[in-house]
Amino acid sequence: MRLISIGVIKSPYKTREEAPKQGIDSEEASTIVLYEPEILEKIKKHKCLLVLYWMHLSDREVLWSESKGRGVFATRSPERPNPIAISVVKVVRIKGNEIRVKYLDAVDGTPVIDVRPLNTDVGGLECGHV
């Protein structure tokens, strides 16, 4: 299996402690900088996106949450074998290879692994809610 970073998140949150626990709690805007701008072709019409990112500061050895008394798959903890996170973000603007968004709880420097359009008319999801 091979996972490739397609970009990086520029966030006002410099540490995990500064970042909110959920994207909906984030009042600050962040910027997703993609390495190849052509991958944004035709995404500009979407107002909400799914952003998948790698929580690079997580401890990948943790399998059990002592505080919750359960395995990590029964929690939303970033500490897990494959620390993949997903956020439903609201697009503020797209310019060049940068997407300015709201409702992203990632720390500055977080690798982006995928960006997908979200049709809010299907599935009942709203920007900021996962």
N, C-alpha and C. Protein backbone atom coordinates (compact mmCIF):
# COMPACT_ATOMS: atom_id res chain seq x y z
N MET A 1 0.84 -1.17 0.00
CA MET A 1 0.00 0.00 0.00
C MET A 1 0.89 1.24 0.00
N ARG A 2 0.51 2.22 -0.81
CA ARG A 2 1.30 3.44 -0.90
C ARG A 2 0.36 4.64 -0.80
N LEU A 3 0.65 5.54 0.11
CA LEU A 3 -0.15 6.74 0.32
C LEU A 3 0.72 7.94 -0.05
N ILE A 4 0.16 8.87 -0.82
CA ILE A 4 0.92 10.02 -1.29
C ILE A 4 0.28 11.30 -0.77
N SER A 5 1.09 12.19 -0.22
CA SER A 5 0.60 13.51 0.18
C SER A 5 0.39 14.35 -1.07
N ILE A 6 -0.80 14.94 -1.20
CA ILE A 6 -1.09 15.79 -2.36
C ILE A 6 -0.99 17.27 -2.01
N GLY A 7 -0.72 17.57 -0.74
CA GLY A 7 -0.63 18.96 -0.32
C GLY A 7 -0.39 19.05 1.17
N VAL A 8 -0.51 20.27 1.68
CA VAL A 8 -0.27 20.53 3.09
C VAL A 8 -1.28 21.56 3.58
N ILE A 9 -1.62 21.47 4.86
CA ILE A 9 -2.56 22.42 5.46
C ILE A 9 -1.78 23.51 6.17
N LYS A 10 -2.13 24.75 5.85
CA LYS A 10 -1.60 25.92 6.55
C LYS A 10 -2.69 26.35 7.51
N SER A 11 -2.42 26.18 8.80
CA SER A 11 -3.44 26.36 9.82
C SER A 11 -2.99 27.37 10.87
N PRO A 12 -3.94 28.08 11.48
CA PRO A 12 -3.58 28.96 12.59
C PRO A 12 -3.22 28.17 13.86
N TYR A 13 -3.55 26.88 13.87
CA TYR A 13 -3.28 26.04 15.03
C TYR A 13 -1.89 25.42 14.90
N LYS A 14 -0.99 25.83 15.76
CA LYS A 14 0.40 25.38 15.67
C LYS A 14 0.67 24.12 16.48
N THR A 15 -0.19 23.81 17.44
CA THR A 15 -0.02 22.61 18.26
C THR A 15 -1.36 21.87 18.34
N ARG A 16 -1.31 20.62 18.74
CA ARG A 16 -2.54 19.83 18.91
C ARG A 16 -3.42 20.42 20.00
N GLU A 17 -2.79 20.99 21.01
CA GLU A 17 -3.55 21.58 22.12
C GLU A 17 -4.35 22.80 21.67
N GLU A 18 -3.84 23.55 20.70
CA GLU A 18 -4.53 24.74 20.19
C GLU A 18 -5.72 24.37 19.30
N ALA A 19 -5.63 23.25 18.62
CA ALA A 19 -6.65 22.86 17.64
C ALA A 19 -7.92 22.39 18.34
N PRO A 20 -9.08 22.75 17.78
CA PRO A 20 -10.34 22.25 18.35
C PRO A 20 -10.47 20.74 18.15
N LYS A 21 -11.29 20.11 18.95
CA LYS A 21 -11.49 18.65 18.85
C LYS A 21 -12.28 18.27 17.61
N GLN A 22 -13.13 19.17 17.13
CA GLN A 22 -13.97 18.91 15.95
C GLN A 22 -13.89 20.13 15.02
N GLY A 23 -13.97 19.89 13.73
CA GLY A 23 -13.91 20.97 12.76
C GLY A 23 -15.00 22.00 12.92
N ILE A 24 -16.20 21.58 13.30
CA ILE A 24 -17.32 22.51 13.46
C ILE A 24 -17.03 23.55 14.54
N ASP A 25 -16.12 23.23 15.46
CA ASP A 25 -15.75 24.15 16.53
C ASP A 25 -14.66 25.14 16.12
N SER A 26 -14.20 25.05 14.88
CA SER A 26 -13.13 25.93 14.40
C SER A 26 -13.71 27.19 13.77
N GLU A 27 -13.43 28.32 14.38
CA GLU A 27 -13.86 29.61 13.83
C GLU A 27 -12.83 30.19 12.87
N GLU A 28 -11.62 29.66 12.93
CA GLU A 28 -10.52 30.17 12.11
C GLU A 28 -10.53 29.54 10.71
N ALA A 29 -10.05 30.30 9.74
CA ALA A 29 -9.91 29.77 8.37
C ALA A 29 -8.52 29.15 8.23
N SER A 30 -8.44 28.12 7.42
CA SER A 30 -7.18 27.46 7.09
C SER A 30 -7.03 27.43 5.58
N THR A 31 -5.82 27.17 5.11
CA THR A 31 -5.57 27.07 3.68
C THR A 31 -4.99 25.71 3.35
N ILE A 32 -5.59 25.06 2.36
CA ILE A 32 -5.07 23.80 1.85
C ILE A 32 -4.24 24.14 0.62
N VAL A 33 -2.95 23.88 0.68
CA VAL A 33 -2.05 24.16 -0.43
C VAL A 33 -1.77 22.84 -1.14
N LEU A 34 -2.23 22.73 -2.39
CA LEU A 34 -2.04 21.51 -3.16
C LEU A 34 -0.80 21.63 -4.04
N TYR A 35 -0.08 20.53 -4.18
CA TYR A 35 1.17 20.54 -4.94
C TYR A 35 0.94 20.66 -6.44
N GLU A 36 -0.17 20.17 -6.94
CA GLU A 36 -0.48 20.21 -8.37
C GLU A 36 -1.80 20.94 -8.59
N PRO A 37 -1.78 22.19 -9.05
CA PRO A 37 -3.02 22.96 -9.18
C PRO A 37 -4.04 22.38 -10.14
N GLU A 38 -3.62 21.60 -11.12
CA GLU A 38 -4.57 21.06 -12.09
C GLU A 38 -5.55 20.07 -11.46
N ILE A 39 -5.22 19.53 -10.29
CA ILE A 39 -6.16 18.60 -9.66
C ILE A 39 -7.39 19.33 -9.11
N LEU A 40 -7.34 20.65 -9.10
CA LEU A 40 -8.50 21.44 -8.67
C LEU A 40 -9.46 21.76 -9.81
N GLU A 41 -9.13 21.34 -11.01
CA GLU A 41 -9.96 21.64 -12.17
C GLU A 41 -11.42 21.26 -11.92
N LYS A 42 -12.30 22.19 -12.12
CA LYS A 42 -13.76 22.03 -12.02
C LYS A 42 -14.29 21.80 -10.60
N ILE A 43 -13.47 21.98 -9.59
CA ILE A 43 -13.96 21.81 -8.22
C ILE A 43 -14.52 23.13 -7.68
N LYS A 44 -14.26 24.22 -8.38
CA LYS A 44 -14.64 25.55 -7.90
C LYS A 44 -16.13 25.74 -7.68
N LYS A 45 -16.95 24.95 -8.34
CA LYS A 45 -18.40 25.11 -8.19
C LYS A 45 -18.93 24.55 -6.87
N HIS A 46 -18.12 23.79 -6.16
CA HIS A 46 -18.56 23.16 -4.92
C HIS A 46 -18.32 24.07 -3.72
N LYS A 47 -19.32 24.15 -2.84
CA LYS A 47 -19.17 25.00 -1.66
C LYS A 47 -18.70 24.22 -0.44
N CYS A 48 -18.82 22.90 -0.50
CA CYS A 48 -18.34 22.04 0.59
C CYS A 48 -17.46 20.94 0.02
N LEU A 49 -16.42 20.60 0.77
CA LEU A 49 -15.49 19.56 0.34
C LEU A 49 -15.24 18.59 1.49
N LEU A 50 -14.91 17.36 1.13
CA LEU A 50 -14.39 16.40 2.09
C LEU A 50 -12.87 16.46 1.99
N VAL A 51 -12.21 16.67 3.10
CA VAL A 51 -10.75 16.73 3.13
C VAL A 51 -10.26 15.58 4.00
N LEU A 52 -9.42 14.73 3.42
CA LEU A 52 -8.80 13.64 4.17
C LEU A 52 -7.35 14.02 4.42
N TYR A 53 -6.92 13.87 5.65
CA TYR A 53 -5.56 14.27 5.99
C TYR A 53 -4.96 13.31 7.00
N TRP A 54 -3.63 13.32 7.05
CA TRP A 54 -2.85 12.41 7.88
C TRP A 54 -2.45 13.14 9.16
N MET A 55 -2.96 12.68 10.30
CA MET A 55 -2.64 13.32 11.58
C MET A 55 -1.23 12.91 12.00
N HIS A 56 -0.26 13.60 11.42
CA HIS A 56 1.15 13.22 11.51
C HIS A 56 1.75 13.31 12.92
N LEU A 57 1.09 13.98 13.84
CA LEU A 57 1.61 14.09 15.20
C LEU A 57 1.06 13.02 16.14
N SER A 58 0.24 12.12 15.61
CA SER A 58 -0.40 11.09 16.43
C SER A 58 0.55 9.96 16.79
N ASP A 59 0.25 9.31 17.90
CA ASP A 59 0.98 8.13 18.34
C ASP A 59 0.31 6.91 17.71
N ARG A 60 0.96 6.28 16.76
CA ARG A 60 0.38 5.17 16.01
C ARG A 60 0.44 3.84 16.76
N GLU A 61 1.09 3.82 17.92
CA GLU A 61 1.21 2.59 18.70
C GLU A 61 0.02 2.39 19.65
N VAL A 62 -0.76 3.43 19.89
CA VAL A 62 -1.88 3.35 20.84
C VAL A 62 -3.03 2.56 20.22
N LEU A 63 -3.46 1.52 20.91
CA LEU A 63 -4.58 0.71 20.44
C LEU A 63 -5.76 0.73 21.42
N TRP A 64 -5.49 1.19 22.64
CA TRP A 64 -6.50 1.19 23.69
C TRP A 64 -6.56 2.56 24.34
N SER A 65 -7.75 3.10 24.53
CA SER A 65 -7.93 4.38 25.20
C SER A 65 -8.20 4.13 26.68
N GLU A 66 -7.21 4.42 27.51
CA GLU A 66 -7.38 4.23 28.95
C GLU A 66 -8.48 5.13 29.49
N SER A 67 -8.52 6.38 29.02
CA SER A 67 -9.52 7.33 29.54
C SER A 67 -10.95 6.94 29.16
N LYS A 68 -11.12 6.29 28.03
CA LYS A 68 -12.46 5.89 27.57
C LYS A 68 -12.78 4.43 27.90
N GLY A 69 -11.73 3.64 28.20
CA GLY A 69 -11.94 2.24 28.52
C GLY A 69 -12.41 1.42 27.33
N ARG A 70 -11.86 1.74 26.15
CA ARG A 70 -12.24 1.00 24.92
C ARG A 70 -11.13 1.10 23.88
N GLY A 71 -11.24 0.27 22.86
CA GLY A 71 -10.28 0.30 21.77
C GLY A 71 -10.40 1.59 20.96
N VAL A 72 -9.31 1.96 20.28
CA VAL A 72 -9.30 3.24 19.56
C VAL A 72 -10.33 3.32 18.44
N PHE A 73 -10.75 2.20 17.89
CA PHE A 73 -11.75 2.24 16.81
C PHE A 73 -13.13 2.60 17.34
N ALA A 74 -13.31 2.57 18.65
CA ALA A 74 -14.57 2.99 19.27
C ALA A 74 -14.47 4.42 19.79
N THR A 75 -13.43 5.15 19.36
CA THR A 75 -13.24 6.55 19.76
C THR A 75 -12.98 7.41 18.53
N ARG A 76 -12.98 8.72 18.73
CA ARG A 76 -12.61 9.64 17.66
C ARG A 76 -11.20 10.19 17.91
N SER A 77 -10.45 9.49 18.72
CA SER A 77 -9.09 9.90 19.07
C SER A 77 -8.18 9.91 17.85
N PRO A 78 -7.26 10.87 17.78
CA PRO A 78 -6.28 10.87 16.70
C PRO A 78 -5.21 9.78 16.87
N GLU A 79 -5.13 9.22 18.07
CA GLU A 79 -4.15 8.16 18.34
C GLU A 79 -4.71 6.85 17.81
N ARG A 80 -4.16 6.35 16.70
CA ARG A 80 -4.65 5.12 16.08
C ARG A 80 -3.60 4.61 15.10
N PRO A 81 -3.69 3.34 14.69
CA PRO A 81 -2.68 2.78 13.80
C PRO A 81 -2.50 3.55 12.49
N ASN A 82 -3.58 3.98 11.89
CA ASN A 82 -3.53 4.79 10.66
C ASN A 82 -4.31 6.07 10.92
N PRO A 83 -3.61 7.13 11.33
CA PRO A 83 -4.27 8.35 11.77
C PRO A 83 -4.83 9.21 10.62
N ILE A 84 -5.83 8.65 9.93
CA ILE A 84 -6.48 9.37 8.84
C ILE A 84 -7.67 10.13 9.41
N ALA A 85 -7.77 11.40 9.10
CA ALA A 85 -8.88 12.23 9.54
C ALA A 85 -9.67 12.70 8.33
N ILE A 86 -10.94 13.01 8.57
CA ILE A 86 -11.79 13.53 7.51
C ILE A 86 -12.58 14.71 8.08
N SER A 87 -12.65 15.78 7.32
CA SER A 87 -13.44 16.94 7.70
C SER A 87 -14.29 17.38 6.52
N VAL A 88 -15.50 17.82 6.83
CA VAL A 88 -16.36 18.45 5.84
C VAL A 88 -16.15 19.94 6.01
N VAL A 89 -15.55 20.58 5.01
CA VAL A 89 -15.19 21.98 5.12
C VAL A 89 -16.01 22.85 4.18
N LYS A 90 -16.12 24.11 4.55
CA LYS A 90 -16.80 25.10 3.71
C LYS A 90 -15.73 25.87 2.94
N VAL A 91 -15.90 25.96 1.63
CA VAL A 91 -14.94 26.68 0.79
C VAL A 91 -15.18 28.19 0.93
N VAL A 92 -14.13 28.91 1.28
CA VAL A 92 -14.19 30.37 1.32
C VAL A 92 -13.79 30.92 -0.04
N ARG A 93 -12.68 30.39 -0.58
CA ARG A 93 -12.25 30.77 -1.94
C ARG A 93 -11.22 29.77 -2.44
N ILE A 94 -11.10 29.73 -3.76
CA ILE A 94 -10.07 28.92 -4.40
C ILE A 94 -9.29 29.84 -5.32
N LYS A 95 -7.98 29.84 -5.14
CA LYS A 95 -7.11 30.69 -5.96
C LYS A 95 -5.83 29.91 -6.25
N GLY A 96 -5.59 29.69 -7.54
CA GLY A 96 -4.40 28.93 -7.92
C GLY A 96 -4.45 27.53 -7.35
N ASN A 97 -3.44 27.18 -6.58
CA ASN A 97 -3.38 25.85 -5.96
C ASN A 97 -3.79 25.87 -4.48
N GLU A 98 -4.47 26.95 -4.06
CA GLU A 98 -4.85 27.09 -2.66
C GLU A 98 -6.36 27.12 -2.49
N ILE A 99 -6.83 26.39 -1.49
CA ILE A 99 -8.25 26.39 -1.13
C ILE A 99 -8.35 26.94 0.29
N ARG A 100 -9.00 28.08 0.44
CA ARG A 100 -9.23 28.68 1.76
C ARG A 100 -10.54 28.10 2.29
N VAL A 101 -10.50 27.52 3.51
CA VAL A 101 -11.67 26.82 4.04
C VAL A 101 -11.94 27.19 5.50
N LYS A 102 -13.15 26.88 5.93
CA LYS A 102 -13.54 26.97 7.34
C LYS A 102 -13.91 25.58 7.82
N TYR A 103 -13.90 25.38 9.12
CA TYR A 103 -14.29 24.13 9.79
C TYR A 103 -13.25 23.02 9.65
N LEU A 104 -11.99 23.39 9.62
CA LEU A 104 -10.92 22.40 9.55
C LEU A 104 -10.14 22.45 10.86
N ASP A 105 -10.00 21.32 11.53
CA ASP A 105 -9.37 21.28 12.85
C ASP A 105 -7.92 20.80 12.83
N ALA A 106 -7.29 20.78 11.68
CA ALA A 106 -5.93 20.25 11.53
C ALA A 106 -4.87 21.25 12.01
N VAL A 107 -3.75 20.69 12.43
CA VAL A 107 -2.60 21.46 12.87
C VAL A 107 -1.79 21.92 11.65
N ASP A 108 -1.13 23.05 11.77
CA ASP A 108 -0.28 23.58 10.70
C ASP A 108 0.75 22.54 10.27
N GLY A 109 0.88 22.35 8.96
CA GLY A 109 1.84 21.39 8.42
C GLY A 109 1.28 20.00 8.20
N THR A 110 0.01 19.80 8.46
CA THR A 110 -0.61 18.48 8.30
C THR A 110 -0.67 18.09 6.82
N PRO A 111 -0.22 16.88 6.46
CA PRO A 111 -0.28 16.43 5.07
C PRO A 111 -1.73 16.14 4.64
N VAL A 112 -2.06 16.54 3.42
CA VAL A 112 -3.37 16.27 2.83
C VAL A 112 -3.24 15.03 1.96
N ILE A 113 -4.19 14.09 2.10
CA ILE A 113 -4.12 12.88 1.29
C ILE A 113 -5.24 12.80 0.25
N ASP A 114 -6.30 13.59 0.41
CA ASP A 114 -7.35 13.61 -0.61
C ASP A 114 -8.29 14.78 -0.39
N VAL A 115 -8.88 15.26 -1.47
CA VAL A 115 -9.92 16.30 -1.44
C VAL A 115 -11.01 15.83 -2.39
N ARG A 116 -12.25 15.86 -1.90
CA ARG A 116 -13.37 15.39 -2.72
C ARG A 116 -14.53 16.37 -2.63
N PRO A 117 -15.25 16.55 -3.72
CA PRO A 117 -16.43 17.42 -3.66
C PRO A 117 -17.52 16.75 -2.83
N LEU A 118 -18.32 17.57 -2.16
CA LEU A 118 -19.44 17.05 -1.38
C LEU A 118 -20.72 17.68 -1.88
N ASN A 119 -21.64 16.85 -2.28
CA ASN A 119 -22.95 17.32 -2.68
C ASN A 119 -23.82 17.32 -1.43
N THR A 120 -24.09 18.50 -0.88
CA THR A 120 -24.84 18.59 0.37
C THR A 120 -26.31 18.24 0.20
N ASP A 121 -26.77 18.12 -1.03
CA ASP A 121 -28.16 17.72 -1.27
C ASP A 121 -28.35 16.21 -1.11
N VAL A 122 -27.24 15.48 -1.08
CA VAL A 122 -27.29 14.02 -0.97
C VAL A 122 -26.64 13.61 0.35
N GLY A 123 -27.28 12.80 1.09
CA GLY A 123 -26.66 12.24 2.29
C GLY A 123 -26.89 13.03 3.56
N GLY A 124 -27.44 14.22 3.48
CA GLY A 124 -27.77 14.97 4.67
C GLY A 124 -26.61 15.63 5.39
N LEU A 125 -25.41 15.61 4.84
CA LEU A 125 -24.27 16.27 5.49
C LEU A 125 -24.30 17.76 5.22
N GLU A 126 -23.79 18.53 6.18
CA GLU A 126 -23.65 19.96 6.02
C GLU A 126 -22.18 20.32 6.20
N CYS A 127 -21.78 21.47 5.67
CA CYS A 127 -20.40 21.92 5.86
C CYS A 127 -20.10 21.99 7.35
N GLY A 128 -18.97 21.44 7.73
CA GLY A 128 -18.54 21.47 9.11
C GLY A 128 -18.98 20.28 9.94
N HIS A 129 -19.85 19.43 9.42
CA HIS A 129 -20.36 18.28 10.18
C HIS A 129 -19.87 16.98 9.59
N VAL A 130 -19.33 16.14 10.44
CA VAL A 130 -18.98 14.77 10.04
C VAL A 130 -19.52 13.84 11.11
